[in-house]
Amino acid sequence: MRTAFVELLFLLMVVILCGCSAGFDGPISAEKEPVKLTPAGVNHSNQHLWAYYDVVFDPETNEFTGVENRTAMFTMNLVGLLNGYPASLDISFNGITSGQDYMDLDFDVSITHPIPDASHLNVYDVRGVYIAPAGAVAFAELGYTSYPHVPLTHYYEEHVDHPGGQEMMDDPVNGDGGGPDGYSRWFNPCEFLNAGPFGYTKGTYASDIEALIYEMSVLNPYKFFADGLGSHDDLVDWINANPGSDRVFSSGATNTRNYFVRFAGDELKFGYAILANWESPTVHPSNMREAIACEVIYGVAHTDEHVFTFRIYDPQSEVNPDNGVMEDYTIHLIEVSDYKTGGTIFNSTSMTPTATGDGWAEYHYETDGIPWPVDYGFDFWIIPEYTGYDHSNEFGIPNDVEDTPLAAWFCYELEYSDEPWN
């Protein structure tokens, strides 16, 4: 028994030391050509990383135990773990298309849980985050300095001021998806400077972006991974077809999702993070706090009013019976018309749902129209913010936004109609 205890303590100490190491010295050292996306030499020093998630040391009681109350639902970055198991991450290409000033890459990402037959190590709400160069500046009022999305209608169409970078988007030709399921602030290299499970860790496929960290996006697009969610499945459709799902990524399972990324010019610089949620061997499921998806039912700019109807999927929040609003989050509704000047915040308050269901709430919002620019389209963002939660962790590993409220981010193109709203 004592031997087992010493082994667990040793593994825990190794991982904590890895997680607290500053800088961007990831678990690989070989240089790679980013365009090749081929794994290089792999250091297996992190092959026991999962033990960190299996055994947690409580310094107050001096005991190994599970963490039952987490600040941000124990969201962690699995890149370090997967680096130690090269076969657990695979990227396969479906096609490459070149345009005048861009290149489109259609590819599938497959993640395999590296430890089979260990149901106590099931993880939940896995998100594969694609970290790209910053594309724009906006949302200063909310304390956010960059975001990676500007309207597809002008982003790469010879716009003299387009910021370059990359855009994750639905395949414009085949129409079979590939765009983001949402955006996340977790573990970007600008703000999460301590490599390990609670910071940005360079992956075996990632570009050498250390010198560009302050040019990388704070908010980055992701795809959702879960058992039974197909590579091209629409996340909202899947959620509606599987009500009550705990969105598990099972021990030993392989799940695949499709990505479609447009690169400006021939500069392929990117990183990635793989988010997962886990609490202890005995607490299952262990889901993330943020909203898991958003569906826009109506988002149209009319000549006199801009009108929005949308549904937020958040199985862990409930309507407060006293005031009719959601207990856990407020909604920021932001319309973006120019990536250089930022956005117009239409609403940043608790909203009363017009309808609720199993794990979702629907909202409707109308505002006076603002002039439609001649050469720009509009985006709008729906941002549920969880002021009772932040980006810290129970183990005190620092980051630059540990006191910043947790939020979920969803971005859409705004349609336009020259007809008045009825």
Protein backbone atom coordinates (compact mmCIF):
# COMPACT_ATOMS: atom_id res chain seq x y z
CA MET A 1 0.00 0.00 0.00
CA ARG A 2 2.84 2.38 0.90
CA THR A 3 4.56 1.64 -2.43
CA ALA A 4 1.41 2.51 -4.35
CA PHE A 5 1.05 5.72 -2.36
CA VAL A 6 4.64 6.74 -3.13
CA GLU A 7 4.14 6.03 -6.83
CA LEU A 8 0.99 8.16 -6.96
CA LEU A 9 2.72 10.97 -5.10
CA PHE A 10 5.65 10.83 -7.52
CA LEU A 11 3.39 10.96 -10.58
CA LEU A 12 1.45 13.85 -9.12
CA MET A 13 4.64 15.81 -8.43
CA VAL A 14 5.96 15.19 -11.94
CA VAL A 15 2.80 16.53 -13.53
CA ILE A 16 2.56 19.54 -11.24
CA LEU A 17 6.15 20.43 -12.10
CA CYS A 18 5.37 20.08 -15.80
CA GLY A 19 2.27 22.20 -15.43
CA CYS A 20 4.10 24.97 -13.58
CA SER A 21 6.97 25.31 -16.02
CA ALA A 22 6.86 28.72 -17.61
CA GLY A 23 7.21 29.55 -21.27
CA PHE A 24 6.45 27.51 -24.34
CA ASP A 25 8.81 24.56 -24.07
CA GLY A 26 6.34 21.89 -25.02
CA PRO A 27 6.93 18.15 -24.88
CA ILE A 28 8.57 18.10 -28.32
CA SER A 29 11.76 19.78 -29.41
CA ALA A 30 12.12 18.98 -33.10
CA GLU A 31 11.40 21.75 -35.59
CA LYS A 32 8.79 21.10 -38.28
CA GLU A 33 7.54 22.67 -41.46
CA PRO A 34 4.01 23.81 -40.44
CA VAL A 35 2.50 22.98 -43.81
CA LYS A 36 3.45 19.32 -43.55
CA LEU A 37 1.44 18.71 -40.39
CA THR A 38 3.53 15.62 -39.67
CA PRO A 39 4.40 14.54 -36.12
CA ALA A 40 8.04 15.10 -35.27
CA GLY A 41 10.16 13.57 -32.51
CA VAL A 42 8.04 12.95 -29.44
CA ASN A 43 9.25 13.13 -25.88
CA HIS A 44 7.41 10.54 -23.80
CA SER A 45 8.04 12.27 -20.48
CA ASN A 46 4.30 13.00 -20.16
CA GLN A 47 3.11 9.46 -20.75
CA HIS A 48 1.71 9.25 -17.21
CA LEU A 49 -0.01 12.61 -17.31
CA TRP A 50 -3.46 11.10 -16.86
CA ALA A 51 -2.53 10.15 -13.31
CA TYR A 52 -2.87 13.84 -12.50
CA TYR A 53 -6.53 13.67 -13.32
CA ASP A 54 -7.02 10.39 -11.50
CA VAL A 55 -5.47 11.49 -8.21
CA VAL A 56 -5.74 14.99 -6.77
CA PHE A 57 -3.91 16.13 -3.65
CA ASP A 58 -5.83 18.33 -1.20
CA PRO A 59 -3.24 20.48 0.63
CA GLU A 60 -5.69 21.36 3.39
CA THR A 61 -6.28 17.77 4.45
CA ASN A 62 -3.02 16.26 3.17
CA GLU A 63 -5.04 13.58 1.42
CA PHE A 64 -5.51 12.36 -2.13
CA THR A 65 -9.09 12.99 -3.09
CA GLY A 66 -11.39 14.21 -5.82
CA VAL A 67 -12.19 17.88 -6.27
CA GLU A 68 -15.93 18.20 -5.79
CA ASN A 69 -16.26 21.98 -6.19
CA ARG A 70 -14.33 23.48 -9.06
CA THR A 71 -14.00 27.10 -10.08
CA ALA A 72 -14.45 26.43 -13.80
CA MET A 73 -15.51 22.80 -13.85
CA PHE A 74 -11.89 21.59 -14.02
CA THR A 75 -11.39 22.38 -17.68
CA MET A 76 -7.98 21.15 -18.79
CA ASN A 77 -5.83 20.98 -21.89
CA LEU A 78 -5.11 17.41 -23.05
CA VAL A 79 -2.45 18.32 -25.61
CA GLY A 80 0.41 17.31 -23.31
CA LEU A 81 -1.18 13.94 -22.71
CA LEU A 82 -1.78 13.29 -26.41
CA ASN A 83 1.80 14.30 -27.24
CA GLY A 84 2.91 11.35 -25.13
CA TYR A 85 0.70 9.00 -27.14
CA PRO A 86 1.36 9.84 -30.82
CA ALA A 87 -1.33 7.50 -32.13
CA SER A 88 -4.01 9.31 -30.13
CA LEU A 89 -4.18 12.32 -32.49
CA ASP A 90 -4.48 12.04 -36.26
CA ILE A 91 -5.08 14.60 -39.02
CA SER A 92 -6.19 13.46 -42.46
CA PHE A 93 -6.72 15.74 -45.45
CA ASN A 94 -9.80 15.68 -47.64
CA GLY A 95 -8.70 18.36 -50.08
CA ILE A 96 -6.77 21.58 -50.66
CA THR A 97 -8.08 24.40 -52.86
CA SER A 98 -6.07 27.49 -53.79
CA GLY A 99 -7.50 30.89 -54.69
CA GLN A 100 -5.93 34.17 -55.73
CA ASP A 101 -4.89 35.14 -52.21
CA TYR A 102 -5.95 32.22 -50.05
CA MET A 103 -5.77 28.48 -49.59
CA ASP A 104 -8.60 26.29 -48.27
CA LEU A 105 -7.79 23.17 -46.27
CA ASP A 106 -10.47 20.55 -45.63
CA PHE A 107 -9.30 18.04 -43.03
CA ASP A 108 -10.52 15.63 -40.36
CA VAL A 109 -9.14 15.51 -36.82
CA SER A 110 -9.41 12.20 -34.98
CA ILE A 111 -8.80 12.03 -31.24
CA THR A 112 -8.39 8.69 -29.48
CA HIS A 113 -8.66 8.42 -25.72
CA PRO A 114 -5.24 6.88 -25.01
CA ILE A 115 -6.27 4.72 -22.05
CA PRO A 116 -8.78 1.94 -22.83
CA ASP A 117 -10.94 0.00 -20.36
CA ALA A 118 -10.86 2.74 -17.74
CA SER A 119 -14.37 4.14 -17.48
CA HIS A 120 -13.36 6.17 -14.43
CA LEU A 121 -11.22 8.20 -16.85
CA ASN A 122 -14.07 9.09 -19.21
CA VAL A 123 -13.92 12.79 -20.07
CA TYR A 124 -16.70 15.14 -21.13
CA ASP A 125 -17.34 18.08 -23.43
CA VAL A 126 -14.13 17.66 -25.39
CA ARG A 127 -13.41 20.58 -27.72
CA GLY A 128 -10.65 20.73 -30.30
CA VAL A 129 -9.64 24.42 -30.40
CA TYR A 130 -7.93 25.79 -33.50
CA ILE A 131 -5.66 28.69 -32.48
CA ALA A 132 -4.93 31.12 -35.29
CA PRO A 133 -3.32 34.55 -35.72
CA ALA A 134 -5.45 37.41 -34.47
CA GLY A 135 -7.85 38.67 -37.12
CA ALA A 136 -9.43 41.75 -35.59
CA VAL A 137 -9.86 44.01 -32.59
CA ALA A 138 -13.19 44.37 -30.85
CA PHE A 139 -15.15 44.02 -27.60
CA ALA A 140 -13.00 46.46 -25.64
CA GLU A 141 -16.00 47.22 -23.43
CA LEU A 142 -15.94 43.61 -22.24
CA GLY A 143 -12.20 43.51 -21.71
CA TYR A 144 -11.46 41.41 -24.80
CA THR A 145 -8.83 42.68 -27.16
CA SER A 146 -9.01 40.38 -30.16
CA TYR A 147 -11.18 37.90 -31.96
CA PRO A 148 -10.57 35.92 -35.12
CA HIS A 149 -13.69 36.34 -37.19
CA VAL A 150 -14.78 38.99 -39.67
CA PRO A 151 -17.54 38.56 -42.24
CA LEU A 152 -16.77 36.04 -44.93
CA THR A 153 -18.30 38.35 -47.53
CA HIS A 154 -15.24 40.57 -47.52
CA TYR A 155 -12.55 38.82 -45.50
CA TYR A 156 -10.62 37.43 -48.46
CA GLU A 157 -12.10 39.28 -51.41
CA GLU A 158 -9.23 41.66 -52.16
CA HIS A 159 -10.11 43.96 -49.28
CA VAL A 160 -7.16 46.32 -48.92
CA ASP A 161 -7.32 46.32 -45.14
CA HIS A 162 -8.12 42.68 -44.45
CA PRO A 163 -5.99 41.51 -41.52
CA GLY A 164 -4.79 38.27 -43.06
CA GLY A 165 -4.67 35.30 -40.75
CA GLN A 166 -7.11 32.45 -40.98
CA GLU A 167 -10.81 31.76 -40.92
CA MET A 168 -12.46 28.52 -39.84
CA MET A 169 -15.67 28.32 -41.82
CA ASP A 170 -18.28 26.06 -43.38
CA ASP A 171 -17.18 24.64 -46.72
CA PRO A 172 -18.56 27.21 -49.21
CA VAL A 173 -18.59 24.72 -52.10
CA ASN A 174 -19.73 21.40 -50.71
CA GLY A 175 -21.83 22.87 -47.93
CA ASP A 176 -21.04 19.97 -45.60
CA GLY A 177 -19.90 21.91 -42.57
CA GLY A 178 -16.40 22.34 -41.21
CA GLY A 179 -17.11 25.62 -39.42
CA PRO A 180 -16.89 26.30 -35.68
CA ASP A 181 -19.27 24.89 -33.09
CA GLY A 182 -18.28 27.87 -30.95
CA TYR A 183 -15.31 29.89 -29.73
CA SER A 184 -13.29 29.60 -26.55
CA ARG A 185 -10.81 31.69 -24.60
CA TRP A 186 -9.31 28.69 -22.84
CA PHE A 187 -5.57 28.03 -23.17
CA ASN A 188 -4.63 30.52 -25.88
CA PRO A 189 -0.86 31.20 -25.92
CA CYS A 190 -1.28 34.91 -25.23
CA GLU A 191 -2.86 34.54 -21.79
CA PHE A 192 -2.16 30.98 -20.59
CA LEU A 193 1.62 31.12 -20.40
CA ASN A 194 2.32 28.08 -18.21
CA ALA A 195 2.52 24.93 -20.31
CA GLY A 196 0.74 21.88 -19.00
CA PRO A 197 -2.88 20.83 -18.41
CA PHE A 198 -3.83 24.40 -17.43
CA GLY A 199 -2.04 26.36 -20.14
CA TYR A 200 -1.04 26.44 -23.78
CA THR A 201 1.12 23.44 -24.71
CA LYS A 202 2.66 23.07 -28.13
CA GLY A 203 1.23 20.05 -29.89
CA THR A 204 3.07 17.68 -32.21
CA TYR A 205 1.23 19.11 -35.22
CA ALA A 206 1.38 22.78 -34.20
CA SER A 207 3.45 25.51 -35.82
CA ASP A 208 6.35 27.12 -34.01
CA ILE A 209 4.37 30.14 -32.83
CA GLU A 210 6.37 31.14 -29.75
CA ALA A 211 7.69 34.29 -31.43
CA LEU A 212 4.16 35.25 -32.48
CA ILE A 213 2.27 34.72 -29.26
CA TYR A 214 1.12 38.32 -28.99
CA GLU A 215 -0.26 38.13 -32.52
CA MET A 216 -2.36 35.05 -31.82
CA SER A 217 -6.08 35.28 -31.19
CA VAL A 218 -7.52 35.43 -27.72
CA LEU A 219 -10.76 33.80 -28.87
CA ASN A 220 -10.47 30.76 -31.08
CA PRO A 221 -12.88 28.45 -32.90
CA TYR A 222 -13.44 24.86 -31.84
CA LYS A 223 -15.18 21.66 -32.86
CA PHE A 224 -17.04 19.54 -30.32
CA PHE A 225 -16.07 15.86 -29.87
CA ALA A 226 -18.32 13.24 -28.25
CA ASP A 227 -19.24 9.59 -28.64
CA GLY A 228 -21.78 9.25 -31.46
CA LEU A 229 -21.17 12.75 -32.89
CA GLY A 230 -20.13 12.19 -36.51
CA SER A 231 -17.38 14.01 -38.35
CA HIS A 232 -19.81 16.23 -40.33
CA ASP A 233 -22.77 16.20 -37.93
CA ASP A 234 -24.33 19.51 -36.98
CA LEU A 235 -23.88 19.89 -33.22
CA VAL A 236 -27.32 21.39 -32.57
CA ASP A 237 -29.04 18.68 -34.61
CA TRP A 238 -27.13 16.04 -32.68
CA ILE A 239 -28.03 17.57 -29.32
CA ASN A 240 -31.71 17.72 -30.28
CA ALA A 241 -31.58 14.08 -31.41
CA ASN A 242 -29.90 13.02 -28.16
CA PRO A 243 -31.72 14.87 -25.36
CA GLY A 244 -30.19 14.34 -21.97
CA SER A 245 -26.83 13.25 -23.39
CA ASP A 246 -23.90 13.75 -21.03
CA ARG A 247 -21.58 14.26 -24.04
CA VAL A 248 -19.06 11.68 -22.92
CA PHE A 249 -15.77 10.89 -24.62
CA SER A 250 -15.30 7.33 -23.40
CA SER A 251 -12.10 5.63 -22.37
CA GLY A 252 -10.45 4.14 -25.46
CA ALA A 253 -12.93 5.74 -27.89
CA THR A 254 -11.99 7.49 -31.14
CA ASN A 255 -14.02 10.47 -32.32
CA THR A 256 -13.54 12.49 -35.50
CA ARG A 257 -14.63 15.99 -36.53
CA ASN A 258 -14.25 17.90 -39.78
CA TYR A 259 -12.47 21.26 -40.02
CA PHE A 260 -12.44 23.67 -42.95
CA VAL A 261 -9.86 26.47 -42.68
CA ARG A 262 -9.09 29.25 -45.11
CA PHE A 263 -5.54 30.59 -44.92
CA ALA A 264 -4.76 34.05 -46.25
CA GLY A 265 -1.83 33.79 -48.66
CA ASP A 266 0.55 30.92 -47.94
CA GLU A 267 1.28 31.62 -44.27
CA LEU A 268 0.29 28.57 -42.24
CA LYS A 269 0.81 29.43 -38.61
CA PHE A 270 -1.40 27.82 -36.01
CA GLY A 271 -1.60 26.14 -32.64
CA TYR A 272 -4.27 24.13 -30.91
CA ALA A 273 -5.65 23.07 -27.56
CA ILE A 274 -7.87 20.13 -26.68
CA LEU A 275 -10.25 20.95 -23.87
CA ALA A 276 -11.82 18.31 -21.67
CA ASN A 277 -13.65 18.17 -18.36
CA TRP A 278 -12.99 15.73 -15.57
CA GLU A 279 -13.46 15.80 -11.81
CA SER A 280 -12.63 12.51 -10.13
CA PRO A 281 -12.86 8.74 -10.63
CA THR A 282 -16.22 8.68 -8.86
CA VAL A 283 -17.91 11.83 -10.25
CA HIS A 284 -19.45 11.17 -13.66
CA PRO A 285 -20.56 12.95 -15.74
CA SER A 286 -18.41 16.03 -15.21
CA ASN A 287 -19.55 18.58 -17.76
CA MET A 288 -18.35 22.06 -18.55
CA ARG A 289 -20.05 25.11 -17.10
CA GLU A 290 -20.37 27.08 -20.35
CA ALA A 291 -23.26 26.79 -22.79
CA ILE A 292 -22.56 23.87 -25.11
CA ALA A 293 -24.20 25.22 -28.28
CA CYS A 294 -26.31 28.00 -29.75
CA GLU A 295 -28.87 27.99 -32.54
CA VAL A 296 -29.90 31.12 -34.43
CA ILE A 297 -33.54 30.85 -35.45
CA TYR A 298 -33.76 34.39 -36.82
CA GLY A 299 -31.03 36.99 -37.19
CA VAL A 300 -31.91 39.64 -39.77
CA ALA A 301 -31.11 43.31 -40.23
CA HIS A 302 -34.24 44.98 -41.61
CA THR A 303 -34.45 48.55 -42.80
CA ASP A 304 -36.01 49.68 -39.52
CA GLU A 305 -35.05 47.08 -36.95
CA HIS A 306 -32.54 44.35 -36.31
CA VAL A 307 -34.25 41.24 -34.99
CA PHE A 308 -32.78 38.21 -33.25
CA THR A 309 -34.28 34.95 -32.06
CA PHE A 310 -31.87 32.34 -30.74
CA ARG A 311 -31.69 29.29 -28.52
CA ILE A 312 -28.89 28.67 -26.02
CA TYR A 313 -28.19 25.07 -25.03
CA ASP A 314 -27.07 25.02 -21.42
CA PRO A 315 -28.11 21.88 -19.51
CA GLN A 316 -26.73 23.15 -16.20
CA SER A 317 -28.58 26.48 -15.93
CA GLU A 318 -32.15 26.94 -14.79
CA VAL A 319 -34.69 29.75 -14.86
CA ASN A 320 -35.02 31.66 -11.62
CA PRO A 321 -38.70 31.26 -10.63
CA ASP A 322 -38.74 34.67 -8.93
CA ASN A 323 -37.70 36.84 -11.86
CA GLY A 324 -37.93 34.56 -14.89
CA VAL A 325 -34.28 34.99 -15.98
CA MET A 326 -31.46 32.46 -16.09
CA GLU A 327 -29.77 32.03 -12.74
CA ASP A 328 -26.23 31.49 -13.98
CA TYR A 329 -25.56 33.71 -16.96
CA THR A 330 -26.19 37.04 -18.60
CA ILE A 331 -26.17 37.51 -22.36
CA HIS A 332 -24.07 39.92 -24.36
CA LEU A 333 -25.50 40.45 -27.84
CA ILE A 334 -22.98 42.26 -30.01
CA GLU A 335 -23.19 43.30 -33.63
CA VAL A 336 -19.91 43.82 -35.47
CA SER A 337 -19.84 45.94 -38.59
CA ASP A 338 -16.16 46.83 -38.97
CA TYR A 339 -13.27 44.79 -37.67
CA LYS A 340 -11.23 47.97 -37.08
CA THR A 341 -13.76 49.79 -34.92
CA GLY A 342 -15.24 46.93 -32.98
CA GLY A 343 -18.84 46.15 -32.26
CA THR A 344 -22.12 47.64 -31.11
CA ILE A 345 -23.32 46.08 -27.87
CA PHE A 346 -27.07 45.76 -28.12
CA ASN A 347 -27.68 44.00 -24.86
CA SER A 348 -25.59 43.02 -21.84
CA THR A 349 -28.16 42.09 -19.25
CA SER A 350 -30.07 39.12 -17.99
CA MET A 351 -32.72 38.24 -20.53
CA THR A 352 -36.04 36.57 -19.90
CA PRO A 353 -36.46 33.46 -22.08
CA THR A 354 -39.47 33.37 -24.35
CA ALA A 355 -39.47 29.57 -24.13
CA THR A 356 -37.55 26.86 -22.29
CA GLY A 357 -37.04 23.15 -22.73
CA ASP A 358 -34.81 20.30 -21.65
CA GLY A 359 -31.43 21.98 -21.36
CA TRP A 360 -32.20 25.03 -23.52
CA ALA A 361 -33.68 28.51 -23.35
CA GLU A 362 -34.92 30.62 -26.27
CA TYR A 363 -34.62 34.41 -26.50
CA HIS A 364 -35.98 37.17 -28.72
CA TYR A 365 -34.49 40.64 -29.07
CA GLU A 366 -35.27 43.64 -31.30
CA THR A 367 -33.37 46.90 -31.68
CA ASP A 368 -33.51 49.94 -33.92
CA GLY A 369 -31.56 49.46 -37.12
CA ILE A 370 -28.16 50.97 -37.72
CA PRO A 371 -27.01 51.98 -41.23
CA TRP A 372 -25.98 49.08 -43.43
CA PRO A 373 -22.53 49.85 -44.87
CA VAL A 374 -21.95 49.68 -48.59
CA ASP A 375 -18.89 47.43 -48.60
CA TYR A 376 -19.19 45.56 -45.33
CA GLY A 377 -21.36 42.80 -44.02
CA PHE A 378 -22.23 42.26 -40.38
CA ASP A 379 -21.45 39.60 -37.84
CA PHE A 380 -23.21 39.21 -34.54
CA TRP A 381 -22.04 37.42 -31.43
CA ILE A 382 -24.13 35.76 -28.75
CA ILE A 383 -22.09 35.56 -25.56
CA PRO A 384 -23.50 33.96 -22.39
CA GLU A 385 -21.24 35.12 -19.56
CA TYR A 386 -20.99 33.31 -16.23
CA THR A 387 -20.01 35.92 -13.67
CA GLY A 388 -19.89 33.33 -10.88
CA TYR A 389 -17.08 31.43 -12.60
CA ASP A 390 -13.66 32.38 -13.93
CA HIS A 391 -10.59 30.99 -15.71
CA SER A 392 -8.63 29.99 -12.63
CA ASN A 393 -8.01 26.44 -11.41
CA GLU A 394 -8.04 24.79 -8.02
CA PHE A 395 -4.31 24.15 -8.13
CA GLY A 396 -3.16 27.75 -8.29
CA ILE A 397 -1.43 27.52 -11.68
CA PRO A 398 -1.59 31.14 -12.86
CA ASN A 399 -2.75 32.68 -16.10
CA ASP A 400 -3.33 36.25 -17.18
CA VAL A 401 -7.14 36.04 -17.09
CA GLU A 402 -7.74 33.92 -14.03
CA ASP A 403 -10.13 36.52 -12.60
CA THR A 404 -12.00 37.06 -15.89
CA PRO A 405 -15.58 35.76 -15.99
CA LEU A 406 -16.12 32.55 -17.91
CA ALA A 407 -18.08 32.90 -21.15
CA ALA A 408 -19.27 30.92 -24.15
CA TRP A 409 -18.90 32.57 -27.57
CA PHE A 410 -20.96 32.02 -30.72
CA CYS A 411 -20.63 34.01 -33.95
CA TYR A 412 -22.94 34.28 -36.98
CA GLU A 413 -23.30 36.29 -40.13
CA LEU A 414 -26.24 38.66 -40.06
CA GLU A 415 -28.66 38.43 -42.94
CA TYR A 416 -30.01 41.58 -44.53
CA SER A 417 -33.52 42.41 -45.72
CA ASP A 418 -34.68 45.63 -47.35
CA GLU A 419 -38.20 44.89 -46.12
CA PRO A 420 -39.49 46.40 -42.86
CA TRP A 421 -39.83 44.05 -39.93
CA ASN A 422 -43.38 43.00 -39.13
